[in-house]
Amino acid sequence: MSAHPHLPPYRYCPVCGAALDRAEPLRQPCTRCDFIFYHSSSPCMGALPLDGSRVLLARRGIEPYLGSWNTVGGFLGYGEEPLEGLQREVLEETGCACRVLDFITQNADVYGSGGTALLNTYYSVELLPGDLAPQDDVSELRWFDIDELPDDIAFACDRRALEVLRTRLQAHRPG
C-alpha cells in the first residue's frame, strides 16, 4: 500500500467498486469490470508574465509551501484546453487577462512533499491592461528582475522554468 493513502495504488474500482489489481501500482485493472485505472501526472500550466527583464511571481496563500513564491498558474480542469487553462489561471490569480507569448519549458515535479505527480508546462505571457491584484489562492504579487529572484521559490519545476527563462532573456540582451 502507498505510504500516502491519497496516492496510487488504490484498492477499489471507481466504476463498480470491485478490487483493483495491485501488481502494477500505476496501471490497475479492475478484477471485475473492463475498467483500467491508469495513473498519470496531473497537468498544470505556469505563466511567466514579463515586463522587460522582470517576471511576475505570486506568493502562495495556501499549502503546500504557504508564503513561498511561485509562478502564476495551476491545475488544468478535466478536458480543458491547455492555453485556455493558462489564461484562466492568470485571470483567477492576478485579475488581469493575458496574451500568450512563447513556450518556455515542460517538466515534472510533485505537489508538495510526497504529493501527487505533476506535469508542468510554462509559457511567457503579456498581461493586458487591468487591475493587477492578488486573487484566489495568492496572497501577494510582485515583479522581480530575472537576475534577482527570491530564494524561497516553492517548487523545483518553477525554479527550473525560471532558469530557462533567465537564459533566454540573457541571450537576447544587447551587448
N, C-alpha and C. Protein backbone atom coordinates (compact mmCIF):
# COMPACT_ATOMS: atom_id res chain seq x y z
N MET A 1 0.85 -1.19 0.00
CA MET A 1 0.00 0.00 0.00
C MET A 1 0.88 1.24 0.00
N SER A 2 0.40 2.28 -0.62
CA SER A 2 1.13 3.54 -0.70
C SER A 2 1.35 4.11 0.70
N ALA A 3 2.52 4.73 0.88
CA ALA A 3 2.79 5.40 2.15
C ALA A 3 1.86 6.59 2.35
N HIS A 4 1.32 7.10 1.24
CA HIS A 4 0.36 8.20 1.27
C HIS A 4 -0.97 7.67 0.72
N PRO A 5 -2.01 7.54 1.55
CA PRO A 5 -3.26 6.91 1.12
C PRO A 5 -3.96 7.61 -0.05
N HIS A 6 -3.60 8.87 -0.33
CA HIS A 6 -4.23 9.58 -1.43
C HIS A 6 -3.51 9.33 -2.76
N LEU A 7 -2.43 8.54 -2.74
CA LEU A 7 -1.66 8.24 -3.94
C LEU A 7 -1.81 6.78 -4.33
N PRO A 8 -1.55 6.44 -5.61
CA PRO A 8 -1.66 5.04 -6.04
C PRO A 8 -0.65 4.16 -5.31
N PRO A 9 -0.91 2.85 -5.24
CA PRO A 9 -2.04 2.13 -5.83
C PRO A 9 -3.30 2.27 -4.98
N TYR A 10 -4.45 2.20 -5.66
CA TYR A 10 -5.73 2.29 -4.99
C TYR A 10 -6.32 0.90 -4.81
N ARG A 11 -7.27 0.80 -3.90
CA ARG A 11 -7.85 -0.50 -3.57
C ARG A 11 -9.06 -0.86 -4.43
N TYR A 12 -9.92 0.12 -4.74
CA TYR A 12 -11.22 -0.20 -5.33
C TYR A 12 -11.46 0.52 -6.65
N CYS A 13 -12.18 -0.14 -7.52
CA CYS A 13 -12.55 0.40 -8.82
C CYS A 13 -13.55 1.55 -8.65
N PRO A 14 -13.32 2.69 -9.30
CA PRO A 14 -14.27 3.79 -9.19
C PRO A 14 -15.54 3.56 -10.01
N VAL A 15 -15.56 2.53 -10.87
CA VAL A 15 -16.73 2.23 -11.70
C VAL A 15 -17.68 1.27 -11.01
N CYS A 16 -17.14 0.12 -10.53
CA CYS A 16 -18.02 -0.91 -9.97
C CYS A 16 -17.76 -1.22 -8.51
N GLY A 17 -16.67 -0.71 -7.93
CA GLY A 17 -16.37 -0.92 -6.53
C GLY A 17 -15.61 -2.20 -6.22
N ALA A 18 -15.32 -3.00 -7.22
CA ALA A 18 -14.56 -4.23 -7.00
C ALA A 18 -13.09 -3.89 -6.72
N ALA A 19 -12.34 -4.88 -6.32
CA ALA A 19 -10.91 -4.68 -6.03
C ALA A 19 -10.15 -4.37 -7.31
N LEU A 20 -9.17 -3.49 -7.19
CA LEU A 20 -8.24 -3.23 -8.29
C LEU A 20 -7.02 -4.10 -8.09
N ASP A 21 -6.50 -4.64 -9.19
CA ASP A 21 -5.26 -5.41 -9.15
C ASP A 21 -4.15 -4.46 -8.71
N ARG A 22 -3.31 -4.88 -7.77
CA ARG A 22 -2.27 -4.00 -7.25
C ARG A 22 -0.87 -4.47 -7.63
N ALA A 23 -0.78 -5.40 -8.59
CA ALA A 23 0.53 -5.90 -9.01
C ALA A 23 1.35 -4.80 -9.66
N GLU A 24 0.71 -3.96 -10.45
CA GLU A 24 1.36 -2.81 -11.07
C GLU A 24 0.72 -1.55 -10.50
N PRO A 25 1.39 -0.83 -9.62
CA PRO A 25 0.74 0.28 -8.92
C PRO A 25 0.31 1.45 -9.80
N LEU A 26 0.85 1.58 -11.02
CA LEU A 26 0.47 2.72 -11.86
C LEU A 26 -0.44 2.32 -13.03
N ARG A 27 -0.79 1.04 -13.12
CA ARG A 27 -1.76 0.54 -14.11
C ARG A 27 -2.54 -0.55 -13.41
N GLN A 28 -3.74 -0.21 -12.94
CA GLN A 28 -4.51 -1.11 -12.11
C GLN A 28 -5.80 -1.55 -12.79
N PRO A 29 -5.82 -2.75 -13.38
CA PRO A 29 -7.08 -3.25 -13.95
C PRO A 29 -8.04 -3.69 -12.84
N CYS A 30 -9.32 -3.48 -13.10
CA CYS A 30 -10.35 -3.94 -12.17
C CYS A 30 -10.43 -5.46 -12.25
N THR A 31 -10.69 -6.09 -11.12
CA THR A 31 -10.80 -7.55 -11.09
C THR A 31 -12.18 -8.03 -11.55
N ARG A 32 -13.13 -7.09 -11.77
CA ARG A 32 -14.48 -7.48 -12.17
C ARG A 32 -14.90 -6.91 -13.52
N CYS A 33 -14.73 -5.61 -13.73
CA CYS A 33 -15.20 -5.00 -14.98
C CYS A 33 -14.02 -4.71 -15.90
N ASP A 34 -14.26 -4.05 -17.03
CA ASP A 34 -13.21 -3.78 -18.02
C ASP A 34 -12.38 -2.54 -17.71
N PHE A 35 -12.70 -1.83 -16.63
CA PHE A 35 -12.01 -0.58 -16.32
C PHE A 35 -10.55 -0.83 -15.96
N ILE A 36 -9.67 0.03 -16.46
CA ILE A 36 -8.26 0.03 -16.05
C ILE A 36 -7.96 1.42 -15.52
N PHE A 37 -7.45 1.49 -14.31
CA PHE A 37 -7.11 2.77 -13.70
C PHE A 37 -5.65 3.06 -14.03
N TYR A 38 -5.44 3.95 -15.03
CA TYR A 38 -4.09 4.39 -15.39
C TYR A 38 -3.74 5.61 -14.56
N HIS A 39 -2.64 5.57 -13.90
CA HIS A 39 -2.22 6.70 -13.08
C HIS A 39 -1.21 7.52 -13.87
N SER A 40 -1.45 8.80 -13.93
CA SER A 40 -0.56 9.68 -14.67
C SER A 40 -0.42 11.00 -13.92
N SER A 41 0.52 11.78 -14.35
CA SER A 41 0.76 13.09 -13.73
C SER A 41 -0.39 14.04 -14.01
N SER A 42 -0.69 14.89 -13.06
CA SER A 42 -1.72 15.91 -13.24
C SER A 42 -1.15 17.06 -14.06
N PRO A 43 -1.84 17.47 -15.14
CA PRO A 43 -1.33 18.56 -15.96
C PRO A 43 -1.53 19.92 -15.30
N CYS A 44 -0.49 20.74 -15.34
CA CYS A 44 -0.51 22.09 -14.77
C CYS A 44 0.06 23.07 -15.78
N MET A 45 -0.41 24.29 -15.73
CA MET A 45 0.08 25.36 -16.60
C MET A 45 0.68 26.46 -15.73
N GLY A 46 1.86 26.92 -16.13
CA GLY A 46 2.53 28.00 -15.42
C GLY A 46 2.75 29.18 -16.35
N ALA A 47 2.38 30.35 -15.88
CA ALA A 47 2.55 31.58 -16.66
C ALA A 47 3.72 32.36 -16.11
N LEU A 48 4.51 32.91 -17.02
CA LEU A 48 5.63 33.78 -16.65
C LEU A 48 5.36 35.16 -17.27
N PRO A 49 4.55 35.99 -16.56
CA PRO A 49 4.27 37.33 -17.06
C PRO A 49 5.55 38.15 -17.12
N LEU A 50 5.78 38.78 -18.26
CA LEU A 50 7.01 39.54 -18.47
C LEU A 50 6.75 41.03 -18.61
N ASP A 51 7.70 41.80 -18.13
CA ASP A 51 7.77 43.24 -18.33
C ASP A 51 9.25 43.56 -18.48
N GLY A 52 9.74 43.52 -19.73
CA GLY A 52 11.18 43.67 -19.96
C GLY A 52 11.92 42.49 -19.37
N SER A 53 12.84 42.77 -18.43
CA SER A 53 13.60 41.69 -17.79
C SER A 53 12.99 41.31 -16.44
N ARG A 54 11.76 41.76 -16.20
CA ARG A 54 11.08 41.42 -14.94
C ARG A 54 10.02 40.36 -15.19
N VAL A 55 9.85 39.51 -14.18
CA VAL A 55 8.83 38.46 -14.22
C VAL A 55 7.96 38.60 -12.97
N LEU A 56 6.67 38.38 -13.15
CA LEU A 56 5.73 38.49 -12.04
C LEU A 56 5.61 37.13 -11.34
N LEU A 57 5.83 37.13 -10.02
CA LEU A 57 5.65 35.92 -9.22
C LEU A 57 4.53 36.14 -8.21
N ALA A 58 3.96 35.03 -7.75
CA ALA A 58 2.86 35.06 -6.81
C ALA A 58 3.29 34.43 -5.49
N ARG A 59 2.94 35.07 -4.38
CA ARG A 59 3.19 34.47 -3.07
C ARG A 59 2.01 33.55 -2.76
N ARG A 60 2.32 32.32 -2.39
CA ARG A 60 1.29 31.33 -2.14
C ARG A 60 0.48 31.66 -0.90
N GLY A 61 -0.85 31.64 -1.04
CA GLY A 61 -1.75 31.86 0.07
C GLY A 61 -2.32 30.57 0.62
N ILE A 62 -1.84 29.42 0.09
CA ILE A 62 -2.32 28.11 0.52
C ILE A 62 -1.15 27.14 0.66
N GLU A 63 -1.40 26.03 1.33
CA GLU A 63 -0.44 24.93 1.38
C GLU A 63 -0.54 24.15 0.07
N PRO A 64 0.47 23.46 -0.36
CA PRO A 64 1.77 23.38 0.29
C PRO A 64 2.59 24.65 0.05
N TYR A 65 3.56 24.84 0.88
CA TYR A 65 4.51 25.95 0.78
C TYR A 65 3.86 27.32 0.96
N LEU A 66 2.91 27.40 1.87
CA LEU A 66 2.25 28.66 2.20
C LEU A 66 3.30 29.74 2.46
N GLY A 67 3.15 30.89 1.79
CA GLY A 67 4.04 32.02 1.98
C GLY A 67 5.25 32.05 1.06
N SER A 68 5.52 30.97 0.36
CA SER A 68 6.64 30.96 -0.59
C SER A 68 6.18 31.52 -1.94
N TRP A 69 7.14 31.81 -2.79
CA TRP A 69 6.84 32.35 -4.12
C TRP A 69 6.71 31.21 -5.13
N ASN A 70 5.86 31.43 -6.12
CA ASN A 70 5.82 30.52 -7.26
C ASN A 70 5.27 31.25 -8.47
N THR A 71 5.30 30.56 -9.60
CA THR A 71 4.79 31.15 -10.83
C THR A 71 3.27 31.24 -10.75
N VAL A 72 2.70 32.08 -11.55
CA VAL A 72 1.25 32.18 -11.67
C VAL A 72 0.79 30.94 -12.43
N GLY A 73 -0.25 30.29 -11.96
CA GLY A 73 -0.74 29.12 -12.69
C GLY A 73 -1.39 28.11 -11.78
N GLY A 74 -1.63 26.93 -12.35
CA GLY A 74 -2.26 25.89 -11.56
C GLY A 74 -2.70 24.72 -12.41
N PHE A 75 -3.56 23.90 -11.83
CA PHE A 75 -4.04 22.67 -12.46
C PHE A 75 -5.01 22.95 -13.59
N LEU A 76 -4.91 22.15 -14.64
CA LEU A 76 -5.90 22.19 -15.70
C LEU A 76 -7.15 21.45 -15.24
N GLY A 77 -8.31 21.92 -15.68
CA GLY A 77 -9.55 21.19 -15.43
C GLY A 77 -9.64 19.99 -16.36
N TYR A 78 -10.47 19.04 -16.01
CA TYR A 78 -10.65 17.83 -16.82
C TYR A 78 -11.09 18.21 -18.23
N GLY A 79 -10.29 17.83 -19.23
CA GLY A 79 -10.62 18.11 -20.63
C GLY A 79 -10.40 19.54 -21.06
N GLU A 80 -9.84 20.38 -20.21
CA GLU A 80 -9.64 21.80 -20.53
C GLU A 80 -8.50 21.96 -21.53
N GLU A 81 -8.69 22.84 -22.50
CA GLU A 81 -7.62 23.17 -23.44
C GLU A 81 -6.49 23.86 -22.67
N PRO A 82 -5.23 23.42 -22.86
CA PRO A 82 -4.13 23.95 -22.05
C PRO A 82 -3.96 25.46 -22.08
N LEU A 83 -3.99 26.09 -23.25
CA LEU A 83 -3.77 27.54 -23.27
C LEU A 83 -4.96 28.29 -22.70
N GLU A 84 -6.17 27.74 -22.83
CA GLU A 84 -7.33 28.35 -22.18
C GLU A 84 -7.20 28.23 -20.66
N GLY A 85 -6.69 27.09 -20.20
CA GLY A 85 -6.45 26.92 -18.76
C GLY A 85 -5.40 27.88 -18.24
N LEU A 86 -4.36 28.10 -19.04
CA LEU A 86 -3.31 29.05 -18.67
C LEU A 86 -3.91 30.45 -18.51
N GLN A 87 -4.71 30.87 -19.49
CA GLN A 87 -5.32 32.20 -19.43
C GLN A 87 -6.31 32.30 -18.27
N ARG A 88 -7.05 31.24 -18.00
CA ARG A 88 -7.98 31.22 -16.87
C ARG A 88 -7.22 31.39 -15.55
N GLU A 89 -6.12 30.65 -15.39
CA GLU A 89 -5.33 30.73 -14.16
C GLU A 89 -4.74 32.14 -13.97
N VAL A 90 -4.24 32.74 -15.03
CA VAL A 90 -3.70 34.10 -14.92
C VAL A 90 -4.78 35.05 -14.45
N LEU A 91 -5.95 34.99 -15.06
CA LEU A 91 -7.06 35.87 -14.68
C LEU A 91 -7.48 35.60 -13.23
N GLU A 92 -7.60 34.32 -12.85
CA GLU A 92 -8.02 33.97 -11.49
C GLU A 92 -7.04 34.45 -10.43
N GLU A 93 -5.75 34.45 -10.75
CA GLU A 93 -4.75 34.77 -9.73
C GLU A 93 -4.29 36.22 -9.74
N THR A 94 -4.42 36.91 -10.88
CA THR A 94 -3.93 38.29 -10.97
C THR A 94 -5.03 39.32 -11.19
N GLY A 95 -6.19 38.89 -11.65
CA GLY A 95 -7.24 39.82 -12.00
C GLY A 95 -7.08 40.41 -13.39
N CYS A 96 -6.05 39.99 -14.13
CA CYS A 96 -5.77 40.51 -15.47
C CYS A 96 -5.82 39.38 -16.51
N ALA A 97 -6.33 39.73 -17.67
CA ALA A 97 -6.25 38.81 -18.80
C ALA A 97 -4.82 38.85 -19.34
N CYS A 98 -4.50 37.92 -20.22
CA CYS A 98 -3.14 37.90 -20.75
C CYS A 98 -3.15 37.46 -22.21
N ARG A 99 -2.03 37.75 -22.86
CA ARG A 99 -1.75 37.25 -24.21
C ARG A 99 -0.59 36.28 -24.07
N VAL A 100 -0.78 35.07 -24.59
CA VAL A 100 0.26 34.05 -24.51
C VAL A 100 1.34 34.39 -25.53
N LEU A 101 2.61 34.36 -25.09
CA LEU A 101 3.73 34.69 -25.96
C LEU A 101 4.44 33.44 -26.46
N ASP A 102 5.32 32.87 -25.66
CA ASP A 102 6.17 31.76 -26.11
C ASP A 102 6.17 30.61 -25.12
N PHE A 103 6.29 29.40 -25.68
CA PHE A 103 6.52 28.21 -24.87
C PHE A 103 7.91 28.35 -24.23
N ILE A 104 8.01 28.04 -22.93
CA ILE A 104 9.28 28.13 -22.23
C ILE A 104 9.86 26.74 -21.96
N THR A 105 9.12 25.89 -21.26
CA THR A 105 9.63 24.55 -20.94
C THR A 105 8.50 23.70 -20.40
N GLN A 106 8.80 22.43 -20.23
CA GLN A 106 7.87 21.49 -19.61
C GLN A 106 8.69 20.55 -18.73
N ASN A 107 8.23 20.30 -17.51
CA ASN A 107 8.95 19.39 -16.63
C ASN A 107 8.03 18.78 -15.59
N ALA A 108 8.54 17.74 -14.94
CA ALA A 108 7.77 17.02 -13.93
C ALA A 108 8.18 17.46 -12.53
N ASP A 109 7.26 17.28 -11.59
CA ASP A 109 7.50 17.61 -10.19
C ASP A 109 6.45 16.88 -9.37
N VAL A 110 6.39 17.17 -8.08
CA VAL A 110 5.32 16.67 -7.22
C VAL A 110 4.72 17.85 -6.47
N TYR A 111 3.45 17.71 -6.06
CA TYR A 111 2.74 18.77 -5.37
C TYR A 111 2.99 18.66 -3.87
N GLY A 112 4.04 19.33 -3.41
CA GLY A 112 4.41 19.28 -2.00
C GLY A 112 5.20 18.02 -1.69
N SER A 113 5.55 17.85 -0.45
CA SER A 113 6.34 16.70 -0.03
C SER A 113 5.49 15.44 -0.11
N GLY A 114 5.87 14.53 -1.00
CA GLY A 114 5.13 13.28 -1.15
C GLY A 114 3.78 13.43 -1.82
N GLY A 115 3.57 14.54 -2.52
CA GLY A 115 2.28 14.78 -3.16
C GLY A 115 2.14 14.10 -4.50
N THR A 116 1.05 14.41 -5.15
CA THR A 116 0.73 13.84 -6.45
C THR A 116 1.72 14.30 -7.51
N ALA A 117 1.94 13.46 -8.51
CA ALA A 117 2.85 13.79 -9.61
C ALA A 117 2.24 14.87 -10.50
N LEU A 118 3.08 15.79 -10.96
CA LEU A 118 2.65 16.90 -11.81
C LEU A 118 3.42 16.89 -13.12
N LEU A 119 2.77 17.36 -14.17
CA LEU A 119 3.43 17.67 -15.43
C LEU A 119 3.15 19.14 -15.70
N ASN A 120 4.19 19.96 -15.60
CA ASN A 120 4.07 21.41 -15.66
C ASN A 120 4.55 21.95 -17.01
N THR A 121 3.72 22.77 -17.62
CA THR A 121 4.05 23.40 -18.90
C THR A 121 4.03 24.91 -18.69
N TYR A 122 5.09 25.58 -19.15
CA TYR A 122 5.25 27.02 -18.90
C TYR A 122 5.28 27.81 -20.20
N TYR A 123 4.61 28.96 -20.17
CA TYR A 123 4.63 29.92 -21.26
C TYR A 123 4.90 31.31 -20.70
N SER A 124 5.61 32.11 -21.48
CA SER A 124 5.69 33.53 -21.14
C SER A 124 4.39 34.17 -21.61
N VAL A 125 3.95 35.19 -20.88
CA VAL A 125 2.71 35.89 -21.22
C VAL A 125 2.90 37.39 -21.04
N GLU A 126 2.06 38.13 -21.71
CA GLU A 126 1.98 39.58 -21.53
C GLU A 126 0.65 39.85 -20.85
N LEU A 127 0.69 40.54 -19.70
CA LEU A 127 -0.55 40.92 -19.03
C LEU A 127 -1.21 42.04 -19.80
N LEU A 128 -2.51 41.96 -19.96
CA LEU A 128 -3.28 43.01 -20.62
C LEU A 128 -3.71 44.03 -19.57
N PRO A 129 -4.00 45.26 -19.98
CA PRO A 129 -4.38 46.28 -19.00
C PRO A 129 -5.53 45.81 -18.11
N GLY A 130 -5.40 46.10 -16.84
CA GLY A 130 -6.41 45.71 -15.86
C GLY A 130 -5.93 46.07 -14.47
N ASP A 131 -6.70 45.69 -13.49
CA ASP A 131 -6.36 45.96 -12.10
C ASP A 131 -5.59 44.78 -11.53
N LEU A 132 -4.27 44.84 -11.63
CA LEU A 132 -3.41 43.77 -11.13
C LEU A 132 -3.49 43.72 -9.61
N ALA A 133 -3.98 42.61 -9.08
CA ALA A 133 -4.12 42.43 -7.64
C ALA A 133 -4.20 40.94 -7.34
N PRO A 134 -3.64 40.50 -6.20
CA PRO A 134 -3.70 39.08 -5.87
C PRO A 134 -5.14 38.60 -5.72
N GLN A 135 -5.42 37.45 -6.29
CA GLN A 135 -6.76 36.87 -6.27
C GLN A 135 -6.65 35.40 -5.86
N ASP A 136 -7.76 34.75 -5.66
CA ASP A 136 -7.87 33.31 -5.48
C ASP A 136 -6.95 32.83 -4.36
N ASP A 137 -5.96 31.98 -4.66
CA ASP A 137 -5.09 31.41 -3.63
C ASP A 137 -3.74 32.11 -3.54
N VAL A 138 -3.69 33.37 -3.99
CA VAL A 138 -2.47 34.17 -3.99
C VAL A 138 -2.59 35.27 -2.94
N SER A 139 -1.54 35.45 -2.12
CA SER A 139 -1.59 36.50 -1.10
C SER A 139 -0.85 37.77 -1.51
N GLU A 140 0.03 37.68 -2.52
CA GLU A 140 0.79 38.84 -2.97
C GLU A 140 1.31 38.58 -4.37
N LEU A 141 1.41 39.64 -5.16
CA LEU A 141 2.04 39.59 -6.47
C LEU A 141 3.18 40.60 -6.47
N ARG A 142 4.32 40.22 -7.07
CA ARG A 142 5.45 41.14 -7.11
C ARG A 142 6.30 40.87 -8.34
N TRP A 143 6.77 41.98 -8.95
CA TRP A 143 7.68 41.89 -10.08
C TRP A 143 9.10 41.73 -9.57
N PHE A 144 9.83 40.79 -10.17
CA PHE A 144 11.23 40.56 -9.82
C PHE A 144 12.08 40.64 -11.09
N ASP A 145 13.23 41.27 -10.99
CA ASP A 145 14.19 41.20 -12.09
C ASP A 145 14.61 39.74 -12.21
N ILE A 146 14.75 39.26 -13.42
CA ILE A 146 15.08 37.85 -13.65
C ILE A 146 16.41 37.46 -13.01
N ASP A 147 17.29 38.43 -12.78
CA ASP A 147 18.58 38.15 -12.14
C ASP A 147 18.53 38.33 -10.62
N GLU A 148 17.38 38.70 -10.07
CA GLU A 148 17.25 38.94 -8.63
C GLU A 148 15.98 38.28 -8.09
N LEU A 149 15.85 36.99 -8.35
CA LEU A 149 14.68 36.25 -7.90
C LEU A 149 14.79 35.91 -6.42
N PRO A 150 13.67 35.73 -5.74
CA PRO A 150 13.72 35.38 -4.31
C PRO A 150 14.26 33.97 -4.12
N ASP A 151 14.80 33.72 -2.94
CA ASP A 151 15.36 32.41 -2.62
C ASP A 151 14.28 31.36 -2.34
N ASP A 152 13.13 31.81 -1.84
CA ASP A 152 12.10 30.87 -1.40
C ASP A 152 11.04 30.61 -2.48
N ILE A 153 11.47 30.07 -3.61
CA ILE A 153 10.54 29.67 -4.67
C ILE A 153 10.13 28.24 -4.36
N ALA A 154 8.82 28.02 -4.24
CA ALA A 154 8.27 26.80 -3.68
C ALA A 154 8.63 25.52 -4.43
N PHE A 155 8.42 25.49 -5.72
CA PHE A 155 8.51 24.24 -6.47
C PHE A 155 9.77 24.19 -7.32
N ALA A 156 10.40 23.02 -7.36
CA ALA A 156 11.58 22.81 -8.20
C ALA A 156 11.26 23.06 -9.67
N CYS A 157 10.06 22.69 -10.11
CA CYS A 157 9.68 22.90 -11.51
C CYS A 157 9.65 24.39 -11.84
N ASP A 158 9.19 25.23 -10.91
CA ASP A 158 9.19 26.68 -11.13
C ASP A 158 10.62 27.22 -11.21
N ARG A 159 11.49 26.73 -10.33
CA ARG A 159 12.89 27.17 -10.36
C ARG A 159 13.53 26.81 -11.70
N ARG A 160 13.25 25.61 -12.20
CA ARG A 160 13.81 25.19 -13.50
C ARG A 160 13.26 26.06 -14.63
N ALA A 161 11.96 26.34 -14.62
CA ALA A 161 11.35 27.17 -15.66
C ALA A 161 11.93 28.59 -15.64
N LEU A 162 12.11 29.14 -14.45
CA LEU A 162 12.68 30.48 -14.33
C LEU A 162 14.12 30.52 -14.81
N GLU A 163 14.85 29.43 -14.61
CA GLU A 163 16.23 29.37 -15.12
C GLU A 163 16.24 29.33 -16.65
N VAL A 164 15.32 28.59 -17.26
CA VAL A 164 15.22 28.57 -18.72
C VAL A 164 14.87 29.97 -19.22
N LEU A 165 13.92 30.63 -18.56
CA LEU A 165 13.55 31.98 -18.94
C LEU A 165 14.74 32.93 -18.81
N ARG A 166 15.47 32.85 -17.70
CA ARG A 166 16.64 33.71 -17.48
C ARG A 166 17.65 33.52 -18.62
N THR A 167 17.94 32.29 -18.98
CA THR A 167 18.89 32.00 -20.06
C THR A 167 18.42 32.62 -21.37
N ARG A 168 17.15 32.51 -21.68
CA ARG A 168 16.61 33.09 -22.92
C ARG A 168 16.69 34.61 -22.92
N LEU A 169 16.31 35.20 -21.78
CA LEU A 169 16.35 36.67 -21.71
C LEU A 169 17.78 37.19 -21.79
N GLN A 170 18.73 36.50 -21.18
CA GLN A 170 20.12 36.92 -21.22
C GLN A 170 20.68 36.80 -22.64
N ALA A 171 20.24 35.79 -23.38
CA ALA A 171 20.73 35.60 -24.75
C ALA A 171 20.23 36.71 -25.69
N HIS A 172 19.13 37.36 -25.31
CA HIS A 172 18.58 38.43 -26.16
C HIS A 172 18.95 39.84 -25.70
N ARG A 173 19.77 39.93 -24.65
CA ARG A 173 20.20 41.26 -24.18
C ARG A 173 21.25 41.82 -25.09
N PRO A 174 21.19 43.13 -25.35
CA PRO A 174 22.24 43.75 -26.17
C PRO A 174 23.58 43.73 -25.44
N GLY A 175 24.64 43.63 -26.21
CA GLY A 175 25.97 43.75 -25.63
C GLY A 175 26.61 42.46 -25.50
